[in-house]
Structure formats: structure tokens, C-alpha cells
Amino acid sequence: MSLLKTLFPLVISITFVWCAQVRFDNYRVYEIFINNQVQLDALQYLEQFSDAYSFWESPIRTGKKIDVMVPPHKFSDFDELASRLEMRVRMKIENVQRLIDSQQPKRTRRDGFGWTEYHTLDEMYDWMDGLASEYQGIVTVELVGHSYEGREVRAIKLSHKEGNPGIFLESHIHAREWITSATATWILNELLSSSDEQVQELARNYDWYILPVVNPDGLNYTQEVNRMWRKTRYPHSILCSGVDMNRNFPYHWMDGGSSANPCSDTYAGPKPASEVESQNIIDYFVINKDRIHFYLSFHSYGQLILLPFGYQDAPKTANFYDWMEMAEAAAIALAKRYGTSYTVGNTAEVLYIASGSTRDWALGEYNVSIAASYEFRDTGDYGFLLPEEQIIPNSEEVLDSLVAFLAKARELEYFEVV
């Protein structure tokens, strides 16, 4: 009882601090080039044991570059570390808070819904309900489940006719990646309203199962408290909350690139599918699995199209080189509009080892025809803080790529259009 009395004021204090809005005034983001094993070891140690640096990308191997956010009180320490280890660094963002302030959703009620700014969950859901009313018989809004904090997780289904191959699109699994749900909703709007024949063909000949926000608690937390939050919000320890949902799925769970530390951004949870938000995705997918041919996941950032698998020592499947043809065609089409260059390939090779992802689970457990993830643009050194004026350009080029991806899939006879 005495221990509880001792800890209780601490817990109350921590709770109060966590509920206050976190600011990142004068925080910098540095791009670090990892050239040797000594540098890699040092960065991996800092990622695990430093409470000051925030790693926007994990240091997994040499020959890669990563982004690290550094608070003002650590500038001199970071400069000394970079000098001692002879690391090549470049300042990418000079003041993180300045970017955050330019992006927060407005607190006044807006007329209509658009893609010149980021939206709240309620605004997205109101817009989806409006689509269901406007496009009755084509658009259906479905309740998938609820989050830990009780928020609804909704899906929107677009279907013009029976027998279409299904595309399952999941976005906003990581809370700070606002561009993902913005892009998902923009693409949905284009599928319903575009006059472009190729886009109309995607709408008519495929059924779309779109979950714009699968981590609503995390999204709300980024808008109200901490813009850089990544995980869900369930308190798994007295000090730390949340799980990285994209490490929590029950296929090769904790098989590389995941953490058992509840305070880590890549915490995989206490067991596979431990989070109600993960189970929501699983349940909705399983209900529709016989109709799903393509599992698609939206993330930011890195300008990548990632293919299975991400866990360590993962073999390439028999279909891998077909998927590479599709992804390469998609990347070529994506670059045409704005010149944005994407890299394509196996997740563990072109990004880093990451196990327990939704993409690997959909393929490994249910053998979908195609599974892929997008890591969206970082045009102009913004990282997770892509400005609102880039929502539409990002969305346009991604839709261009999906047109090409699916055309190549049909050419390779992965889809039969009815």
C-alpha cells in the first residue's frame, strides 16, 4: 500500500503532463547517412535507450540514411556525436513546431469537405455519410468496430456490380501520417466523380473496401496532444501507451524489426493481434476475404512501393517478380505528373526488416493475389509533416500509379474484369 501511495502522485503528474499539448519548438530533424558498423551500433543504442532523440526511421543497416529528431538541449551533444563518429549529417527541418502550427485542423466549423487542409475524424465521417446518401446503391458505410477509447472505425464500400474483384485499402494505421487518410478520401472522391475514363474503369470494375482511419485514437491524439505520436493509445505500462499496429499482426509476429519495449515506437504488443484496432481490421477483412484480391496499405514517408515480405530471412514468393512488374509500372506512371521518384521492391531489402505488418499478414495468412504498401512523398524535406498544399498532388500521382498497377495486373492475368 505504501508503494501505491508513493506512485499515485507520480501517475497523476504523468497523466497531467501527457494531456497537455506537446510542443516541438526549435526541434530539428537531421538526415544521417550510416556509413559503417560503428555508426550503426551507436545509432541503434541511442534508439533503444535515449529518451531525447526521436528516430523517424530505424537504423537497421549500413549504406542507408535515416531521419532523427533532436531537441534543442541536445544540439551540442548531437554535434559532438556526429563529429566523433565522423557521421555525414544534413539538417532537414530547422523547426518542427513551425511545420506543425501550419497544419493543425481549424477549430471552426467548415463548409463542405475538401483537400486543401487536413481534417478531423468527425469531418471525414460526416463526409462519408454524405456520400452514402448521395450514391445510394453504390456506396455503403459500414461500422467495423470501435477503438480502445470508444471511437468508431468505419469502412466505406464502393461497388457498381456483383462479381467484381475486391481491393482492400487500409490507411492511417500510424497516427502521425495524416497524408494517408487525406489521400484515401481524395481517391475515393475521384472514383465517384472523375470524368477520366481510366478512373471510371477502376470504379466500375473493382469493388473498393476502404478504411480511411484504422487508428482513430492515435489520430485524435496527434491533433489534440502530440503531433508526432505514432501508435495506438492503450496503456500497456505505467509510463507508456500504445502499440505499433503495423507490427501487431499475427504472421511472423516479432520476427525482426519490432520491439518488446512498451515505450518503443515499434512496440509489437504483448501478443499477436492484442489491440482491438488490429482485430477490427482482421474481422472486416475476414468477412470479405473471398472477394479481396488486392490488399493495399497507405503509409508515409519515403517514396516507396513495398512488396512482401518484411520479416527477417523471408523468402521471395513465386509471384514476386510479377508484383515487381506491376510496382515498376506503377512507379513509372507515378513519376510522369510531377517527377516524383519512387523505389520499388521487397520491404526488407529497400526499407528495413519489419515483421507483423498488415501486408505480410494478408498475403501469408490468406494468400491474396497481391499485397503492397505505399510510403508517400517527402518532396521538400518535410518527413511526416507534408504540407496541406501537397495533399492533392500526392493523391493525383498515387491514383495515376494505381491505374498503371492494376492495368499491369490485368495484363498478367491477376484480375478478371466482369
Protein backbone atom coordinates (compact mmCIF):
# COMPACT_ATOMS: atom_id res chain seq x y z
CA MET A 1 0.00 0.00 0.00
CA SER A 2 2.88 2.37 0.79
CA LEU A 3 4.32 1.80 -2.70
CA LEU A 4 0.94 2.60 -4.25
CA LYS A 5 0.72 5.81 -2.21
CA THR A 6 4.19 6.74 -3.38
CA LEU A 7 3.46 6.08 -7.04
CA PHE A 8 -0.03 7.61 -7.14
CA PRO A 9 1.07 11.28 -7.25
CA LEU A 10 3.63 10.35 -9.91
CA VAL A 11 0.98 8.70 -12.06
CA ILE A 12 -1.34 11.71 -11.67
CA SER A 13 1.52 14.05 -12.58
CA ILE A 14 2.47 11.98 -15.63
CA THR A 15 -1.17 11.85 -16.75
CA PHE A 16 -1.44 15.62 -16.48
CA VAL A 17 1.73 16.15 -18.49
CA TRP A 18 0.62 13.71 -21.18
CA CYS A 19 -2.71 15.51 -21.58
CA ALA A 20 -1.05 18.89 -22.10
CA GLN A 21 -0.19 19.72 -25.69
CA VAL A 22 3.34 18.66 -26.58
CA ARG A 23 5.36 21.27 -28.43
CA PHE A 24 8.46 20.87 -30.58
CA ASP A 25 9.76 24.43 -30.68
CA ASN A 26 13.17 24.58 -32.37
CA TYR A 27 13.42 20.80 -32.57
CA ARG A 28 15.47 19.87 -35.61
CA VAL A 29 15.39 16.87 -37.90
CA TYR A 30 18.71 15.62 -39.23
CA GLU A 31 19.28 13.23 -42.10
CA ILE A 32 22.07 10.84 -41.14
CA PHE A 33 23.99 8.68 -43.59
CA ILE A 34 25.06 5.39 -41.95
CA ASN A 35 28.40 4.50 -43.49
CA ASN A 36 29.87 1.87 -41.16
CA GLN A 37 29.11 -0.60 -38.40
CA VAL A 38 30.36 1.65 -35.58
CA GLN A 39 27.89 4.35 -36.60
CA LEU A 40 25.09 1.80 -36.91
CA ASP A 41 25.78 0.33 -33.45
CA ALA A 42 25.79 3.78 -31.86
CA LEU A 43 22.52 4.81 -33.50
CA GLN A 44 20.81 1.53 -32.60
CA TYR A 45 21.87 2.02 -28.98
CA LEU A 46 20.51 5.57 -28.97
CA GLU A 47 17.19 4.43 -30.46
CA GLN A 48 16.71 1.88 -27.69
CA PHE A 49 17.98 3.80 -24.68
CA SER A 50 17.81 7.55 -25.33
CA ASP A 51 14.79 9.49 -24.10
CA ALA A 52 15.79 12.57 -26.08
CA TYR A 53 16.22 11.60 -29.72
CA SER A 54 13.22 10.56 -31.81
CA PHE A 55 14.06 8.22 -34.69
CA TRP A 56 11.69 8.82 -37.59
CA GLU A 57 13.28 5.81 -39.29
CA SER A 58 15.01 2.90 -37.58
CA PRO A 59 18.75 2.36 -38.09
CA ILE A 60 18.79 -1.16 -39.50
CA ARG A 61 21.82 -1.44 -41.77
CA THR A 62 24.79 0.41 -43.15
CA GLY A 63 24.54 2.14 -46.51
CA LYS A 64 21.17 3.69 -45.59
CA LYS A 65 20.08 7.12 -44.43
CA ILE A 66 17.66 7.85 -41.63
CA ASP A 67 15.95 10.90 -40.11
CA VAL A 68 16.32 11.72 -36.41
CA MET A 69 14.58 14.50 -34.48
CA VAL A 70 16.84 16.27 -31.97
CA PRO A 71 15.61 18.58 -29.17
CA PRO A 72 17.37 21.91 -28.57
CA HIS A 73 19.07 20.81 -25.35
CA LYS A 74 20.79 18.00 -27.28
CA PHE A 75 22.16 20.03 -30.20
CA SER A 76 25.69 20.22 -28.82
CA ASP A 77 25.68 16.54 -27.79
CA PHE A 78 24.48 15.56 -31.25
CA ASP A 79 27.12 17.70 -32.96
CA GLU A 80 29.79 16.10 -30.78
CA LEU A 81 28.50 12.60 -31.52
CA ALA A 82 28.39 13.26 -35.27
CA SER A 83 31.93 14.62 -35.18
CA ARG A 84 33.34 11.80 -33.07
CA LEU A 85 31.79 9.11 -35.27
CA GLU A 86 32.50 11.05 -38.46
CA MET A 87 28.86 10.81 -39.47
CA ARG A 88 27.65 12.66 -42.53
CA VAL A 89 24.58 14.64 -41.50
CA ARG A 90 22.28 17.20 -43.09
CA MET A 91 19.73 19.39 -41.33
CA LYS A 92 16.38 18.54 -42.89
CA ILE A 93 13.93 20.53 -40.73
CA GLU A 94 15.09 23.52 -38.68
CA ASN A 95 11.98 23.98 -36.53
CA VAL A 96 9.47 21.13 -36.30
CA GLN A 97 6.87 23.18 -34.42
CA ARG A 98 6.71 25.74 -37.23
CA LEU A 99 5.54 23.00 -39.62
CA ILE A 100 3.09 21.61 -37.06
CA ASP A 101 1.50 25.02 -36.46
CA SER A 102 0.80 25.38 -40.17
CA GLN A 103 -1.11 22.11 -40.35
CA GLN A 104 -3.40 21.81 -37.31
CA PRO A 105 -7.09 21.42 -38.25
CA LYS A 106 -9.04 24.62 -37.76
CA ARG A 107 -11.26 24.80 -34.69
CA THR A 108 -14.14 26.48 -36.52
CA ARG A 109 -16.77 24.51 -38.41
CA ARG A 110 -16.07 24.46 -42.14
CA ASP A 111 -18.48 24.49 -45.04
CA GLY A 112 -18.04 21.45 -47.21
CA PHE A 113 -15.17 19.00 -47.34
CA GLY A 114 -12.05 19.32 -49.42
CA TRP A 115 -8.37 18.51 -49.73
CA THR A 116 -6.71 21.87 -49.19
CA GLU A 117 -6.34 21.10 -45.47
CA TYR A 118 -6.27 18.14 -43.09
CA HIS A 119 -9.48 17.04 -41.38
CA THR A 120 -10.66 15.60 -38.09
CA LEU A 121 -12.17 12.13 -37.80
CA ASP A 122 -15.70 13.53 -37.38
CA GLU A 123 -15.35 15.64 -40.52
CA MET A 124 -14.25 12.61 -42.52
CA TYR A 125 -17.12 10.53 -41.17
CA ASP A 126 -19.69 13.24 -41.90
CA TRP A 127 -18.41 13.40 -45.46
CA MET A 128 -18.59 9.61 -45.82
CA ASP A 129 -22.19 9.61 -44.56
CA GLY A 130 -22.99 12.23 -47.18
CA LEU A 131 -21.56 10.00 -49.92
CA ALA A 132 -23.73 7.09 -48.77
CA SER A 133 -26.81 9.31 -49.12
CA GLU A 134 -25.76 10.75 -52.46
CA TYR A 135 -24.70 7.45 -54.04
CA GLN A 136 -27.29 5.03 -52.68
CA GLY A 137 -26.87 1.53 -54.08
CA ILE A 138 -23.21 2.20 -54.90
CA VAL A 139 -21.68 3.45 -51.63
CA THR A 140 -22.21 1.84 -48.24
CA VAL A 141 -20.74 2.99 -44.94
CA GLU A 142 -20.13 0.11 -42.54
CA LEU A 143 -19.22 0.09 -38.86
CA VAL A 144 -16.12 -2.07 -38.50
CA GLY A 145 -15.72 -1.74 -34.73
CA HIS A 146 -14.58 0.63 -32.01
CA SER A 147 -11.20 1.76 -30.76
CA TYR A 148 -9.86 1.41 -27.23
CA GLU A 149 -11.18 4.89 -26.38
CA GLY A 150 -14.56 4.12 -27.94
CA ARG A 151 -14.29 5.85 -31.31
CA GLU A 152 -15.94 4.27 -34.32
CA VAL A 153 -13.83 2.62 -37.01
CA ARG A 154 -15.73 2.86 -40.28
CA ALA A 155 -15.28 1.40 -43.73
CA ILE A 156 -16.78 2.63 -46.95
CA LYS A 157 -17.57 0.15 -49.72
CA LEU A 158 -17.90 1.22 -53.34
CA SER A 159 -19.47 -1.35 -55.66
CA HIS A 160 -21.14 -0.92 -59.04
CA LYS A 161 -21.89 -4.57 -59.75
CA GLU A 162 -21.68 -8.10 -58.38
CA GLY A 163 -18.65 -10.24 -59.07
CA ASN A 164 -16.01 -7.51 -59.18
CA PRO A 165 -12.56 -8.32 -57.78
CA GLY A 166 -12.11 -6.54 -54.46
CA ILE A 167 -9.44 -4.04 -53.39
CA PHE A 168 -8.98 -3.65 -49.63
CA LEU A 169 -7.43 -0.27 -48.77
CA GLU A 170 -6.29 0.44 -45.22
CA SER A 171 -4.84 3.81 -44.21
CA HIS A 172 -3.85 5.88 -41.19
CA ILE A 173 -2.55 2.94 -39.16
CA HIS A 174 0.22 5.24 -37.89
CA ALA A 175 -1.27 8.27 -36.17
CA ARG A 176 1.10 10.99 -37.40
CA GLU A 177 0.77 10.01 -41.07
CA TRP A 178 -2.08 12.42 -41.86
CA ILE A 179 -1.45 12.35 -45.59
CA THR A 180 -2.62 8.73 -45.75
CA SER A 181 -6.29 9.30 -44.86
CA ALA A 182 -6.30 12.52 -46.89
CA THR A 183 -5.12 10.58 -49.94
CA ALA A 184 -7.51 7.69 -49.34
CA THR A 185 -10.51 10.03 -49.19
CA TRP A 186 -9.36 12.00 -52.24
CA ILE A 187 -9.03 8.79 -54.28
CA LEU A 188 -12.47 7.68 -53.12
CA ASN A 189 -13.91 11.00 -54.27
CA GLU A 190 -12.23 10.62 -57.67
CA LEU A 191 -13.59 7.10 -58.06
CA LEU A 192 -17.07 8.57 -57.65
CA SER A 193 -16.75 11.84 -59.53
CA SER A 194 -13.87 11.77 -62.02
CA SER A 195 -14.61 12.13 -65.74
CA ASP A 196 -11.36 10.34 -66.59
CA GLU A 197 -12.22 7.08 -68.36
CA GLN A 198 -9.38 5.14 -66.71
CA VAL A 199 -10.53 6.20 -63.24
CA GLN A 200 -14.15 5.39 -64.10
CA GLU A 201 -12.96 1.94 -65.16
CA LEU A 202 -11.37 1.40 -61.74
CA ALA A 203 -14.63 2.39 -60.06
CA ARG A 204 -16.90 0.27 -62.26
CA ASN A 205 -14.83 -2.92 -62.45
CA TYR A 206 -13.49 -3.25 -58.90
CA ASP A 207 -15.16 -3.29 -55.52
CA TRP A 208 -13.34 -0.97 -53.09
CA TYR A 209 -13.27 -1.64 -49.35
CA ILE A 210 -11.71 1.50 -47.88
CA LEU A 211 -10.87 2.05 -44.21
CA PRO A 212 -9.64 5.67 -44.13
CA VAL A 213 -8.68 5.76 -40.43
CA VAL A 214 -7.95 2.48 -38.66
CA ASN A 215 -6.25 4.20 -35.69
CA PRO A 216 -8.74 6.92 -34.66
CA ASP A 217 -7.44 7.32 -31.09
CA GLY A 218 -3.97 7.94 -32.43
CA LEU A 219 -5.23 10.46 -34.97
CA ASN A 220 -7.13 12.37 -32.28
CA TYR A 221 -4.06 12.34 -30.04
CA THR A 222 -1.90 13.84 -32.79
CA GLN A 223 -4.45 16.62 -33.27
CA GLU A 224 -5.03 17.36 -29.59
CA VAL A 225 -1.79 16.48 -27.77
CA ASN A 226 1.28 15.22 -29.65
CA ARG A 227 1.52 15.72 -33.41
CA MET A 228 4.39 13.20 -33.67
CA TRP A 229 2.58 10.28 -31.98
CA ARG A 230 2.73 7.01 -33.96
CA LYS A 231 0.95 4.22 -32.06
CA THR A 232 -2.47 3.38 -30.61
CA ARG A 233 -3.38 4.57 -27.11
CA TYR A 234 -3.94 1.52 -24.88
CA PRO A 235 -1.75 1.86 -21.73
CA HIS A 236 0.50 -1.18 -21.78
CA SER A 237 2.71 0.06 -18.94
CA ILE A 238 2.56 2.66 -16.19
CA LEU A 239 4.68 5.03 -18.28
CA CYS A 240 3.92 4.23 -21.92
CA SER A 241 0.85 3.76 -24.09
CA GLY A 242 0.15 2.28 -27.45
CA VAL A 243 1.24 -0.37 -29.91
CA ASP A 244 2.57 -0.08 -33.42
CA MET A 245 -0.33 -1.77 -35.20
CA ASN A 246 1.85 -2.50 -38.21
CA ARG A 247 3.96 -4.79 -36.00
CA ASN A 248 0.98 -6.38 -34.24
CA PHE A 249 -0.47 -8.71 -36.89
CA PRO A 250 -0.37 -12.49 -36.42
CA TYR A 251 2.04 -13.51 -39.16
CA HIS A 252 5.72 -13.81 -38.23
CA TRP A 253 4.96 -11.55 -35.26
CA MET A 254 8.14 -10.32 -33.51
CA ASP A 255 10.32 -11.84 -36.24
CA GLY A 256 12.64 -8.87 -36.70
CA GLY A 257 12.26 -5.10 -36.80
CA SER A 258 9.87 -5.00 -33.83
CA SER A 259 10.33 -4.14 -30.17
CA ALA A 260 9.20 -5.78 -26.93
CA ASN A 261 9.61 -2.45 -25.12
CA PRO A 262 6.21 -0.77 -24.50
CA CYS A 263 7.87 2.66 -24.76
CA SER A 264 9.29 1.98 -28.23
CA ASP A 265 7.62 3.38 -31.36
CA THR A 266 7.84 -0.12 -32.85
CA TYR A 267 6.36 -1.95 -29.84
CA ALA A 268 4.64 -5.02 -31.27
CA GLY A 269 2.29 -5.54 -28.32
CA PRO A 270 2.18 -8.25 -25.66
CA LYS A 271 0.91 -10.82 -28.17
CA PRO A 272 -0.21 -11.01 -31.82
CA ALA A 273 -3.39 -9.03 -32.58
CA SER A 274 -3.50 -7.80 -28.99
CA GLU A 275 -5.07 -4.47 -29.99
CA VAL A 276 -8.76 -4.02 -30.61
CA GLU A 277 -7.87 -1.79 -33.56
CA SER A 278 -5.87 -4.62 -35.16
CA GLN A 279 -8.74 -7.02 -34.55
CA ASN A 280 -11.12 -4.59 -36.27
CA ILE A 281 -9.09 -4.85 -39.48
CA ILE A 282 -8.81 -8.62 -39.18
CA ASP A 283 -12.53 -9.10 -38.62
CA TYR A 284 -13.59 -6.87 -41.51
CA PHE A 285 -11.07 -8.42 -43.86
CA VAL A 286 -12.06 -11.98 -42.95
CA ILE A 287 -15.74 -11.25 -43.57
CA ASN A 288 -14.86 -10.15 -47.11
CA LYS A 289 -11.77 -12.28 -47.76
CA ASP A 290 -13.28 -14.38 -50.55
CA ARG A 291 -13.83 -11.18 -52.56
CA ILE A 292 -10.48 -9.49 -51.83
CA HIS A 293 -7.76 -9.82 -54.48
CA PHE A 294 -5.52 -6.86 -53.61
CA TYR A 295 -4.52 -5.72 -50.12
CA LEU A 296 -3.27 -2.14 -50.21
CA SER A 297 -1.81 -0.16 -47.31
CA PHE A 298 -1.02 3.59 -47.27
CA HIS A 299 1.88 5.00 -45.23
CA SER A 300 4.28 7.92 -45.22
CA TYR A 301 7.02 8.70 -45.91
CA GLY A 302 9.90 7.54 -48.16
CA GLN A 303 8.57 7.36 -51.74
CA LEU A 304 8.43 3.58 -51.88
CA ILE A 305 6.18 0.80 -53.14
CA LEU A 306 6.84 -2.12 -50.81
CA LEU A 307 6.15 -5.78 -51.51
CA PRO A 308 6.07 -8.76 -49.13
CA PHE A 309 7.77 -9.89 -47.04
CA GLY A 310 9.31 -7.72 -44.34
CA TYR A 311 10.34 -10.25 -41.71
CA GLN A 312 13.91 -11.46 -41.38
CA ASP A 313 15.12 -14.22 -43.71
CA ALA A 314 11.86 -14.03 -45.66
CA PRO A 315 11.83 -15.91 -48.96
CA LYS A 316 10.60 -14.37 -52.19
CA THR A 317 7.34 -15.95 -53.31
CA ALA A 318 6.70 -17.41 -56.75
CA ASN A 319 4.71 -14.29 -57.69
CA PHE A 320 7.31 -11.77 -56.53
CA TYR A 321 8.64 -10.88 -59.99
CA ASP A 322 5.12 -10.41 -61.34
CA TRP A 323 4.48 -7.98 -58.48
CA MET A 324 7.72 -6.21 -59.31
CA GLU A 325 6.48 -5.68 -62.88
CA MET A 326 3.27 -4.17 -61.51
CA ALA A 327 5.09 -1.97 -58.99
CA GLU A 328 7.62 -0.77 -61.58
CA ALA A 329 4.82 0.15 -63.99
CA ALA A 330 3.12 1.99 -61.12
CA ALA A 331 6.30 3.90 -60.22
CA ILE A 332 6.83 4.97 -63.84
CA ALA A 333 3.25 6.24 -64.07
CA LEU A 334 3.53 7.99 -60.70
CA ALA A 335 6.60 9.96 -61.81
CA LYS A 336 5.04 11.32 -65.00
CA ARG A 337 2.88 14.03 -63.45
CA TYR A 338 5.27 15.74 -61.01
CA GLY A 339 8.56 13.89 -61.42
CA THR A 340 8.30 12.19 -58.02
CA SER A 341 10.64 9.20 -57.95
CA TYR A 342 9.61 6.05 -56.09
CA THR A 343 11.74 2.99 -55.34
CA VAL A 344 10.07 -0.43 -55.52
CA GLY A 345 10.98 -3.79 -54.05
CA ASN A 346 10.90 -6.21 -51.17
CA THR A 347 10.30 -4.44 -47.85
CA ALA A 348 13.27 -5.92 -46.01
CA GLU A 349 15.62 -5.00 -48.86
CA VAL A 350 14.59 -1.47 -49.85
CA LEU A 351 13.38 -0.19 -46.47
CA TYR A 352 14.17 -2.31 -43.40
CA ILE A 353 13.16 -5.51 -41.66
CA ALA A 354 9.67 -5.17 -40.20
CA SER A 355 7.58 -8.12 -39.06
CA GLY A 356 3.90 -8.35 -38.14
CA SER A 357 2.67 -5.97 -40.85
CA THR A 358 -0.82 -5.96 -42.33
CA ARG A 359 0.58 -6.52 -45.82
CA ASP A 360 2.55 -9.64 -44.83
CA TRP A 361 -0.40 -10.96 -42.84
CA ALA A 362 -2.88 -10.59 -45.72
CA LEU A 363 -0.58 -12.50 -48.05
CA GLY A 364 0.85 -15.01 -45.59
CA GLU A 365 -2.39 -15.96 -43.86
CA TYR A 366 -4.93 -15.52 -46.67
CA ASN A 367 -2.89 -15.70 -49.87
CA VAL A 368 -4.35 -12.60 -51.52
CA SER A 369 -3.29 -12.24 -55.14
CA ILE A 370 -1.36 -9.02 -54.46
CA ALA A 371 -0.31 -7.17 -51.30
CA ALA A 372 1.58 -3.88 -51.34
CA SER A 373 2.27 -0.80 -49.24
CA TYR A 374 2.91 2.76 -50.36
CA GLU A 375 5.23 5.11 -48.48
CA PHE A 376 4.22 8.53 -49.78
CA ARG A 377 6.29 11.51 -50.88
CA ASP A 378 8.56 13.73 -48.86
CA THR A 379 9.01 16.37 -51.54
CA GLY A 380 10.81 19.29 -49.93
CA ASP A 381 12.17 17.74 -46.70
CA TYR A 382 9.01 17.55 -44.59
CA GLY A 383 9.01 13.96 -43.36
CA PHE A 384 5.71 13.16 -41.65
CA LEU A 385 4.68 16.83 -41.83
CA LEU A 386 3.74 17.06 -45.50
CA PRO A 387 2.15 20.49 -46.11
CA GLU A 388 -1.52 20.73 -46.96
CA GLU A 389 -0.78 22.11 -50.42
CA GLN A 390 0.77 18.75 -51.29
CA ILE A 391 -2.31 16.68 -50.43
CA ILE A 392 -3.80 16.88 -53.92
CA PRO A 393 -0.51 16.47 -55.86
CA ASN A 394 0.37 13.43 -53.75
CA SER A 395 -3.10 11.98 -54.27
CA GLU A 396 -3.04 12.60 -58.02
CA GLU A 397 0.25 10.80 -58.57
CA VAL A 398 -0.77 7.88 -56.35
CA LEU A 399 -4.01 7.42 -58.30
CA ASP A 400 -2.01 7.56 -61.54
CA SER A 401 0.14 4.77 -60.19
CA LEU A 402 -2.81 2.62 -59.17
CA VAL A 403 -4.26 2.88 -62.69
CA ALA A 404 -0.96 1.52 -64.06
CA PHE A 405 -0.57 -1.06 -61.28
CA LEU A 406 -3.98 -2.58 -61.96
CA ALA A 407 -3.55 -2.43 -65.75
CA LYS A 408 -0.35 -4.45 -65.45
CA ALA A 409 -2.07 -6.87 -63.05
CA ARG A 410 -4.78 -7.49 -65.64
CA GLU A 411 -2.15 -7.93 -68.35
CA LEU A 412 -0.52 -10.60 -66.18
CA GLU A 413 -3.97 -12.17 -65.64
CA TYR A 414 -4.22 -11.48 -61.91
CA PHE A 415 -7.67 -9.93 -62.30
CA GLU A 416 -10.59 -10.95 -64.44
CA VAL A 417 -12.84 -7.96 -65.08
CA VAL A 418 -16.50 -8.95 -65.46
